[in-house]
Full PDB file with SEQRES, HELIX, SHEET, SSBOND, CRYST1, ORIGX, SCALE, CONECT and MASTER records, all heavy atoms in Angstrom:
SEQRES   1 A   32  LYS VAL VAL PRO THR GLU ALA SER ILE GLU GLU GLY PHE          
SEQRES   2 A   32  GLN LYS GLY PRO LYS GLU VAL MET VAL LEU LYS ALA THR          
SEQRES   3 A   32  GLU PRO PHE SER TYR ASP                                      
CRYST1    1.000    1.000    1.000  90.00  90.00  90.00 P 1           1          
ORIGX1      1.000000  0.000000  0.000000        0.00000                         
ORIGX2      0.000000  1.000000  0.000000        0.00000                         
ORIGX3      0.000000  0.000000  1.000000        0.00000                         
SCALE1      1.000000  0.000000  0.000000        0.00000                         
SCALE2      0.000000  1.000000  0.000000        0.00000                         
SCALE3      0.000000  0.000000  1.000000        0.00000                         
ATOM      1  N   LYS A   1      -6.673  60.314  27.370  1.00  0.00           N  
ATOM      2  CA  LYS A   1      -6.601  61.760  27.456  1.00  0.00           C  
ATOM      3  C   LYS A   1      -6.500  62.343  26.050  1.00  0.00           C  
ATOM      4  O   LYS A   1      -5.933  61.741  25.152  1.00  0.00           O  
ATOM      5  CB  LYS A   1      -5.367  62.185  28.248  1.00  0.00           C  
ATOM      6  CG  LYS A   1      -5.432  61.789  29.694  1.00  0.00           C  
ATOM      7  CD  LYS A   1      -4.169  62.231  30.405  1.00  0.00           C  
ATOM      8  CE  LYS A   1      -4.179  61.766  31.836  1.00  0.00           C  
ATOM      9  NZ  LYS A   1      -2.927  62.090  32.520  1.00  0.00           N  
ATOM     10  N   VAL A   2      -7.050  63.528  25.878  1.00  0.00           N  
ATOM     11  CA  VAL A   2      -6.933  64.219  24.605  1.00  0.00           C  
ATOM     12  C   VAL A   2      -5.506  64.761  24.497  1.00  0.00           C  
ATOM     13  O   VAL A   2      -5.036  65.465  25.391  1.00  0.00           O  
ATOM     14  CB  VAL A   2      -7.957  65.367  24.504  1.00  0.00           C  
ATOM     15  CG1 VAL A   2      -7.768  66.138  23.211  1.00  0.00           C  
ATOM     16  CG2 VAL A   2      -9.370  64.824  24.601  1.00  0.00           C  
ATOM     17  N   VAL A   3      -4.830  64.428  23.433  1.00  0.00           N  
ATOM     18  CA  VAL A   3      -3.459  64.875  23.220  1.00  0.00           C  
ATOM     19  C   VAL A   3      -3.479  66.016  22.220  1.00  0.00           C  
ATOM     20  O   VAL A   3      -4.020  65.872  21.119  1.00  0.00           O  
ATOM     21  CB  VAL A   3      -2.582  63.708  22.699  1.00  0.00           C  
ATOM     22  CG1 VAL A   3      -1.177  64.179  22.426  1.00  0.00           C  
ATOM     23  CG2 VAL A   3      -2.591  62.567  23.686  1.00  0.00           C  
ATOM     24  N   PRO A   4      -2.922  67.183  22.579  1.00  0.00           N  
ATOM     25  CA  PRO A   4      -2.952  68.321  21.656  1.00  0.00           C  
ATOM     26  C   PRO A   4      -2.135  68.051  20.396  1.00  0.00           C  
ATOM     27  O   PRO A   4      -1.113  67.375  20.438  1.00  0.00           O  
ATOM     28  CB  PRO A   4      -2.349  69.463  22.472  1.00  0.00           C  
ATOM     29  CG  PRO A   4      -1.540  68.812  23.532  1.00  0.00           C  
ATOM     30  CD  PRO A   4      -2.199  67.494  23.802  1.00  0.00           C  
ATOM     31  N   THR A   5      -2.619  68.582  19.284  1.00  0.00           N  
ATOM     32  CA  THR A   5      -1.904  68.449  18.012  1.00  0.00           C  
ATOM     33  C   THR A   5      -1.189  69.741  17.644  1.00  0.00           C  
ATOM     34  O   THR A   5      -0.408  69.767  16.711  1.00  0.00           O  
ATOM     35  CB  THR A   5      -2.868  68.070  16.880  1.00  0.00           C  
ATOM     36  OG1 THR A   5      -3.903  69.057  16.806  1.00  0.00           O  
ATOM     37  CG2 THR A   5      -3.480  66.694  17.124  1.00  0.00           C  
ATOM     38  N   GLU A   6      -1.476  70.825  18.375  1.00  0.00           N  
ATOM     39  CA  GLU A   6      -0.825  72.107  18.122  1.00  0.00           C  
ATOM     40  C   GLU A   6      -0.201  72.625  19.403  1.00  0.00           C  
ATOM     41  O   GLU A   6      -0.664  72.316  20.501  1.00  0.00           O  
ATOM     42  CB  GLU A   6      -1.841  73.128  17.607  1.00  0.00           C  
ATOM     43  CG  GLU A   6      -2.393  72.796  16.248  1.00  0.00           C  
ATOM     44  CD  GLU A   6      -3.327  73.884  15.722  1.00  0.00           C  
ATOM     45  OE1 GLU A   6      -3.393  74.963  16.347  1.00  0.00           O  
ATOM     46  OE2 GLU A   6      -3.985  73.629  14.717  1.00  0.00           O  
ATOM     47  N   ALA A   7       0.832  73.444  19.248  1.00  0.00           N  
ATOM     48  CA  ALA A   7       1.508  74.019  20.401  1.00  0.00           C  
ATOM     49  C   ALA A   7       0.547  74.918  21.181  1.00  0.00           C  
ATOM     50  O   ALA A   7      -0.283  75.609  20.603  1.00  0.00           O  
ATOM     51  CB  ALA A   7       2.725  74.821  19.946  1.00  0.00           C  
ATOM     52  N   SER A   8       0.666  74.875  22.489  1.00  0.00           N  
ATOM     53  CA  SER A   8      -0.142  75.746  23.344  1.00  0.00           C  
ATOM     54  C   SER A   8       0.375  77.175  23.248  1.00  0.00           C  
ATOM     55  O   SER A   8       1.543  77.409  22.933  1.00  0.00           O  
ATOM     56  CB  SER A   8      -0.067  75.267  24.794  1.00  0.00           C  
ATOM     57  OG  SER A   8      -0.615  73.981  24.901  1.00  0.00           O  
ATOM     58  N   ILE A   9      -0.506  78.115  23.545  1.00  0.00           N  
ATOM     59  CA  ILE A   9      -0.160  79.534  23.409  1.00  0.00           C  
ATOM     60  C   ILE A   9      -0.351  80.231  24.743  1.00  0.00           C  
ATOM     61  O   ILE A   9      -1.365  80.054  25.415  1.00  0.00           O  
ATOM     62  CB  ILE A   9      -1.032  80.204  22.330  1.00  0.00           C  
ATOM     63  CG1 ILE A   9      -0.751  79.576  20.962  1.00  0.00           C  
ATOM     64  CG2 ILE A   9      -0.800  81.708  22.303  1.00  0.00           C  
ATOM     65  CD1 ILE A   9      -1.662  80.062  19.861  1.00  0.00           C  
ATOM     66  N   GLU A  10       0.626  81.008  25.125  1.00  0.00           N  
ATOM     67  CA  GLU A  10       0.535  81.893  26.278  1.00  0.00           C  
ATOM     68  C   GLU A  10       0.869  83.294  25.777  1.00  0.00           C  
ATOM     69  O   GLU A  10       1.742  83.447  24.933  1.00  0.00           O  
ATOM     70  CB  GLU A  10       1.519  81.486  27.377  1.00  0.00           C  
ATOM     71  CG  GLU A  10       1.173  80.180  28.035  1.00  0.00           C  
ATOM     72  CD  GLU A  10       2.108  79.830  29.186  1.00  0.00           C  
ATOM     73  OE1 GLU A  10       3.055  80.592  29.464  1.00  0.00           O  
ATOM     74  OE2 GLU A  10       1.879  78.795  29.809  1.00  0.00           O  
ATOM     75  N   GLU A  11       0.178  84.294  26.290  1.00  0.00           N  
ATOM     76  CA  GLU A  11       0.422  85.661  25.851  1.00  0.00           C  
ATOM     77  C   GLU A  11       0.868  86.525  27.017  1.00  0.00           C  
ATOM     78  O   GLU A  11       0.391  86.359  28.137  1.00  0.00           O  
ATOM     79  CB  GLU A  11      -0.832  86.269  25.209  1.00  0.00           C  
ATOM     80  CG  GLU A  11      -1.176  85.698  23.841  1.00  0.00           C  
ATOM     81  CD  GLU A  11      -0.121  85.953  22.777  1.00  0.00           C  
ATOM     82  OE1 GLU A  11       0.522  87.026  22.794  1.00  0.00           O  
ATOM     83  OE2 GLU A  11       0.066  85.072  21.930  1.00  0.00           O  
ATOM     84  N   GLY A  12       1.795  87.433  26.754  1.00  0.00           N  
ATOM     85  CA  GLY A  12       2.248  88.387  27.758  1.00  0.00           C  
ATOM     86  C   GLY A  12       3.341  87.822  28.646  1.00  0.00           C  
ATOM     87  O   GLY A  12       3.812  86.703  28.482  1.00  0.00           O  
ATOM     88  N   PHE A  13       3.732  88.646  29.606  1.00  0.00           N  
ATOM     89  CA  PHE A  13       4.802  88.275  30.528  1.00  0.00           C  
ATOM     90  C   PHE A  13       4.314  87.183  31.481  1.00  0.00           C  
ATOM     91  O   PHE A  13       3.227  87.274  32.029  1.00  0.00           O  
ATOM     92  CB  PHE A  13       5.259  89.497  31.330  1.00  0.00           C  
ATOM     93  CG  PHE A  13       6.347  89.197  32.313  1.00  0.00           C  
ATOM     94  CD1 PHE A  13       7.635  88.974  31.880  1.00  0.00           C  
ATOM     95  CD2 PHE A  13       6.075  89.117  33.663  1.00  0.00           C  
ATOM     96  CE1 PHE A  13       8.652  88.685  32.779  1.00  0.00           C  
ATOM     97  CE2 PHE A  13       7.071  88.829  34.579  1.00  0.00           C  
ATOM     98  CZ  PHE A  13       8.367  88.614  34.134  1.00  0.00           C  
ATOM     99  N   GLN A  14       5.128  86.154  31.653  1.00  0.00           N  
ATOM    100  CA  GLN A  14       4.803  85.038  32.545  1.00  0.00           C  
ATOM    101  C   GLN A  14       5.903  84.921  33.589  1.00  0.00           C  
ATOM    102  O   GLN A  14       7.070  84.754  33.250  1.00  0.00           O  
ATOM    103  CB  GLN A  14       4.700  83.722  31.754  1.00  0.00           C  
ATOM    104  CG  GLN A  14       3.743  83.764  30.577  1.00  0.00           C  
ATOM    105  CD  GLN A  14       2.295  83.880  31.010  1.00  0.00           C  
ATOM    106  OE1 GLN A  14       1.891  83.313  32.010  1.00  0.00           O  
ATOM    107  NE2 GLN A  14       1.515  84.633  30.247  1.00  0.00           N  
ATOM    108  N   LYS A  15       5.531  85.026  34.830  1.00  0.00           N  
ATOM    109  CA  LYS A  15       6.499  84.980  35.931  1.00  0.00           C  
ATOM    110  C   LYS A  15       7.049  83.566  36.127  1.00  0.00           C  
ATOM    111  O   LYS A  15       8.219  83.391  36.396  1.00  0.00           O  
ATOM    112  CB  LYS A  15       5.828  85.497  37.211  1.00  0.00           C  
ATOM    113  CG  LYS A  15       6.755  85.682  38.350  1.00  0.00           C  
ATOM    114  CD  LYS A  15       7.496  86.973  38.223  1.00  0.00           C  
ATOM    115  CE  LYS A  15       8.396  87.165  39.450  1.00  0.00           C  
ATOM    116  NZ  LYS A  15       9.645  87.775  39.147  1.00  0.00           N  
ATOM    117  N   GLY A  16       6.195  82.563  36.032  1.00  0.00           N  
ATOM    118  CA  GLY A  16       6.642  81.183  36.185  1.00  0.00           C  
ATOM    119  C   GLY A  16       6.795  80.801  37.631  1.00  0.00           C  
ATOM    120  O   GLY A  16       6.225  81.442  38.493  1.00  0.00           O  
ATOM    121  N   PRO A  17       7.498  79.759  37.965  1.00  0.00           N  
ATOM    122  CA  PRO A  17       8.225  78.893  37.036  1.00  0.00           C  
ATOM    123  C   PRO A  17       7.329  77.843  36.386  1.00  0.00           C  
ATOM    124  O   PRO A  17       6.324  77.466  36.945  1.00  0.00           O  
ATOM    125  CB  PRO A  17       9.255  78.201  37.948  1.00  0.00           C  
ATOM    126  CG  PRO A  17       8.585  78.129  39.268  1.00  0.00           C  
ATOM    127  CD  PRO A  17       7.728  79.375  39.361  1.00  0.00           C  
ATOM    128  N   LYS A  18       7.710  77.437  35.205  1.00  0.00           N  
ATOM    129  CA  LYS A  18       7.011  76.385  34.467  1.00  0.00           C  
ATOM    130  C   LYS A  18       8.027  75.258  34.265  1.00  0.00           C  
ATOM    131  O   LYS A  18       9.091  75.474  33.671  1.00  0.00           O  
ATOM    132  CB  LYS A  18       6.514  76.906  33.125  1.00  0.00           C  
ATOM    133  CG  LYS A  18       5.815  75.831  32.281  1.00  0.00           C  
ATOM    134  CD  LYS A  18       5.481  76.313  30.883  1.00  0.00           C  
ATOM    135  CE  LYS A  18       4.355  77.292  30.886  1.00  0.00           C  
ATOM    136  NZ  LYS A  18       3.057  76.726  31.257  1.00  0.00           N  
ATOM    137  N   GLU A  19       7.688  74.084  34.785  1.00  0.00           N  
ATOM    138  CA  GLU A  19       8.568  72.937  34.614  1.00  0.00           C  
ATOM    139  C   GLU A  19       8.225  72.216  33.321  1.00  0.00           C  
ATOM    140  O   GLU A  19       7.071  71.875  33.087  1.00  0.00           O  
ATOM    141  CB  GLU A  19       8.457  71.978  35.802  1.00  0.00           C  
ATOM    142  CG  GLU A  19       9.056  72.539  37.061  1.00  0.00           C  
ATOM    143  CD  GLU A  19       9.098  71.556  38.205  1.00  0.00           C  
ATOM    144  OE1 GLU A  19       8.755  70.362  38.008  1.00  0.00           O  
ATOM    145  OE2 GLU A  19       9.486  71.974  39.305  1.00  0.00           O  
ATOM    146  N   VAL A  20       9.253  72.015  32.496  1.00  0.00           N  
ATOM    147  CA  VAL A  20       9.066  71.418  31.180  1.00  0.00           C  
ATOM    148  C   VAL A  20      10.199  70.440  30.881  1.00  0.00           C  
ATOM    149  O   VAL A  20      11.281  70.533  31.468  1.00  0.00           O  
ATOM    150  CB  VAL A  20       9.013  72.489  30.064  1.00  0.00           C  
ATOM    151  CG1 VAL A  20       7.808  73.385  30.199  1.00  0.00           C  
ATOM    152  CG2 VAL A  20      10.288  73.327  30.035  1.00  0.00           C  
ATOM    153  N   MET A  21       9.921  69.538  29.952  1.00  0.00           N  
ATOM    154  CA  MET A  21      10.969  68.658  29.443  1.00  0.00           C  
ATOM    155  C   MET A  21      11.345  69.141  28.048  1.00  0.00           C  
ATOM    156  O   MET A  21      10.472  69.436  27.237  1.00  0.00           O  
ATOM    157  CB  MET A  21      10.496  67.206  29.365  1.00  0.00           C  
ATOM    158  CG  MET A  21      11.567  66.266  28.797  1.00  0.00           C  
ATOM    159  SD  MET A  21      10.974  64.593  28.531  1.00  0.00           S  
ATOM    160  CE  MET A  21      11.028  63.984  30.205  1.00  0.00           C  
ATOM    161  N   VAL A  22      12.624  69.216  27.775  1.00  0.00           N  
ATOM    162  CA  VAL A  22      13.101  69.630  26.462  1.00  0.00           C  
ATOM    163  C   VAL A  22      12.932  68.455  25.504  1.00  0.00           C  
ATOM    164  O   VAL A  22      13.376  67.341  25.785  1.00  0.00           O  
ATOM    165  CB  VAL A  22      14.589  70.053  26.526  1.00  0.00           C  
ATOM    166  CG1 VAL A  22      15.098  70.432  25.141  1.00  0.00           C  
ATOM    167  CG2 VAL A  22      14.785  71.189  27.515  1.00  0.00           C  
ATOM    168  N   LEU A  23      12.261  68.698  24.383  1.00  0.00           N  
ATOM    169  CA  LEU A  23      12.081  67.650  23.375  1.00  0.00           C  
ATOM    170  C   LEU A  23      13.111  67.781  22.266  1.00  0.00           C  
ATOM    171  O   LEU A  23      13.663  66.788  21.801  1.00  0.00           O  
ATOM    172  CB  LEU A  23      10.668  67.711  22.790  1.00  0.00           C  
ATOM    173  CG  LEU A  23       9.527  67.526  23.786  1.00  0.00           C  
ATOM    174  CD1 LEU A  23       8.192  67.614  23.077  1.00  0.00           C  
ATOM    175  CD2 LEU A  23       9.655  66.221  24.539  1.00  0.00           C  
ATOM    176  N   LYS A  24      13.356  69.024  21.831  1.00  0.00           N  
ATOM    177  CA  LYS A  24      14.378  69.243  20.800  1.00  0.00           C  
ATOM    178  C   LYS A  24      14.798  70.699  20.824  1.00  0.00           C  
ATOM    179  O   LYS A  24      14.084  71.569  21.325  1.00  0.00           O  
ATOM    180  CB  LYS A  24      13.887  68.826  19.413  1.00  0.00           C  
ATOM    181  CG  LYS A  24      12.752  69.663  18.862  1.00  0.00           C  
ATOM    182  CD  LYS A  24      12.358  69.183  17.464  1.00  0.00           C  
ATOM    183  CE  LYS A  24      11.225  70.034  16.922  1.00  0.00           C  
ATOM    184  NZ  LYS A  24      10.880  69.662  15.555  1.00  0.00           N  
ATOM    185  N   ALA A  25      15.987  70.946  20.268  1.00  0.00           N  
ATOM    186  CA  ALA A  25      16.509  72.314  20.162  1.00  0.00           C  
ATOM    187  C   ALA A  25      17.386  72.401  18.922  1.00  0.00           C  
ATOM    188  O   ALA A  25      18.106  71.453  18.596  1.00  0.00           O  
ATOM    189  CB  ALA A  25      17.312  72.682  21.405  1.00  0.00           C  
ATOM    190  N   THR A  26      17.298  73.535  18.231  1.00  0.00           N  
ATOM    191  CA  THR A  26      18.115  73.742  17.036  1.00  0.00           C  
ATOM    192  C   THR A  26      19.475  74.286  17.450  1.00  0.00           C  
ATOM    193  O   THR A  26      19.686  74.673  18.597  1.00  0.00           O  
ATOM    194  CB  THR A  26      17.454  74.751  16.072  1.00  0.00           C  
ATOM    195  OG1 THR A  26      17.409  76.038  16.697  1.00  0.00           O  
ATOM    196  CG2 THR A  26      16.062  74.307  15.673  1.00  0.00           C  
ATOM    197  N   GLU A  27      20.375  74.336  16.501  1.00  0.00           N  
ATOM    198  CA  GLU A  27      21.654  74.999  16.732  1.00  0.00           C  
ATOM    199  C   GLU A  27      21.428  76.504  16.661  1.00  0.00           C  
ATOM    200  O   GLU A  27      20.565  76.971  15.916  1.00  0.00           O  
ATOM    201  CB  GLU A  27      22.677  74.563  15.680  1.00  0.00           C  
ATOM    202  CG  GLU A  27      23.148  73.122  15.861  1.00  0.00           C  
ATOM    203  CD  GLU A  27      23.780  72.866  17.212  1.00  0.00           C  
ATOM    204  OE1 GLU A  27      24.590  73.697  17.660  1.00  0.00           O  
ATOM    205  OE2 GLU A  27      23.447  71.842  17.835  1.00  0.00           O  
ATOM    206  N   PRO A  28      22.207  77.296  17.403  1.00  0.00           N  
ATOM    207  CA  PRO A  28      22.060  78.759  17.337  1.00  0.00           C  
ATOM    208  C   PRO A  28      22.331  79.277  15.926  1.00  0.00           C  
ATOM    209  O   PRO A  28      23.157  78.732  15.197  1.00  0.00           O  
ATOM    210  CB  PRO A  28      23.139  79.261  18.309  1.00  0.00           C  
ATOM    211  CG  PRO A  28      23.365  78.127  19.243  1.00  0.00           C  
ATOM    212  CD  PRO A  28      23.174  76.884  18.413  1.00  0.00           C  
ATOM    213  N   PHE A  29      21.605  80.331  15.561  1.00  0.00           N  
ATOM    214  CA  PHE A  29      21.783  80.954  14.260  1.00  0.00           C  
ATOM    215  C   PHE A  29      21.639  82.463  14.409  1.00  0.00           C  
ATOM    216  O   PHE A  29      21.042  82.954  15.372  1.00  0.00           O  
ATOM    217  CB  PHE A  29      20.782  80.407  13.224  1.00  0.00           C  
ATOM    218  CG  PHE A  29      19.345  80.595  13.609  1.00  0.00           C  
ATOM    219  CD1 PHE A  29      18.647  81.728  13.219  1.00  0.00           C  
ATOM    220  CD2 PHE A  29      18.679  79.640  14.359  1.00  0.00           C  
ATOM    221  CE1 PHE A  29      17.317  81.908  13.576  1.00  0.00           C  
ATOM    222  CE2 PHE A  29      17.352  79.804  14.714  1.00  0.00           C  
ATOM    223  CZ  PHE A  29      16.672  80.945  14.325  1.00  0.00           C  
ATOM    224  N   SER A  30      22.174  83.205  13.457  1.00  0.00           N  
ATOM    225  CA  SER A  30      22.094  84.661  13.469  1.00  0.00           C  
ATOM    226  C   SER A  30      20.744  85.074  12.913  1.00  0.00           C  
ATOM    227  O   SER A  30      20.329  84.608  11.855  1.00  0.00           O  
ATOM    228  CB  SER A  30      23.217  85.253  12.618  1.00  0.00           C  
ATOM    229  OG  SER A  30      23.090  86.647  12.573  1.00  0.00           O  
ATOM    230  N   TYR A  31      20.025  85.935  13.640  1.00  0.00           N  
ATOM    231  CA  TYR A  31      18.705  86.352  13.183  1.00  0.00           C  
ATOM    232  C   TYR A  31      18.681  87.783  12.655  1.00  0.00           C  
ATOM    233  O   TYR A  31      17.658  88.267  12.208  1.00  0.00           O  
ATOM    234  CB  TYR A  31      17.659  86.178  14.289  1.00  0.00           C  
ATOM    235  CG  TYR A  31      17.856  87.043  15.517  1.00  0.00           C  
ATOM    236  CD1 TYR A  31      17.281  88.308  15.601  1.00  0.00           C  
ATOM    237  CD2 TYR A  31      18.595  86.590  16.594  1.00  0.00           C  
ATOM    238  CE1 TYR A  31      17.456  89.093  16.724  1.00  0.00           C  
ATOM    239  CE2 TYR A  31      18.765  87.358  17.714  1.00  0.00           C  
ATOM    240  CZ  TYR A  31      18.197  88.610  17.777  1.00  0.00           C  
ATOM    241  OH  TYR A  31      18.365  89.379  18.889  1.00  0.00           O  
ATOM    242  N   ASP A  32      19.815  88.455  12.689  1.00  0.00           N  
ATOM    243  CA  ASP A  32      19.914  89.819  12.162  1.00  0.00           C  
ATOM    244  C   ASP A  32      21.064  89.860  11.169  1.00  0.00           C  
ATOM    245  O   ASP A  32      22.231  89.772  11.556  1.00  0.00           O  
ATOM    246  CB  ASP A  32      20.156  90.813  13.305  1.00  0.00           C  
ATOM    247  CG  ASP A  32      20.117  92.261  12.847  1.00  0.00           C  
ATOM    248  OD1 ASP A  32      20.185  92.529  11.614  1.00  0.00           O  
ATOM    249  OD2 ASP A  32      20.018  93.143  13.718  1.00  0.00           O  
TER     250      ASP A  32                                                      
MASTER        0    0    0    0    0    0    0    6  249    1    0    3          
END                                                                             
């Protein structure tokens, strides 16, 4: 199978649900 090398893109509001596996997550940080 062709394996993507870049993240997929979705635009606009998505109702879902989309089942996914978490690969990684950063620690929370202040963005303002």
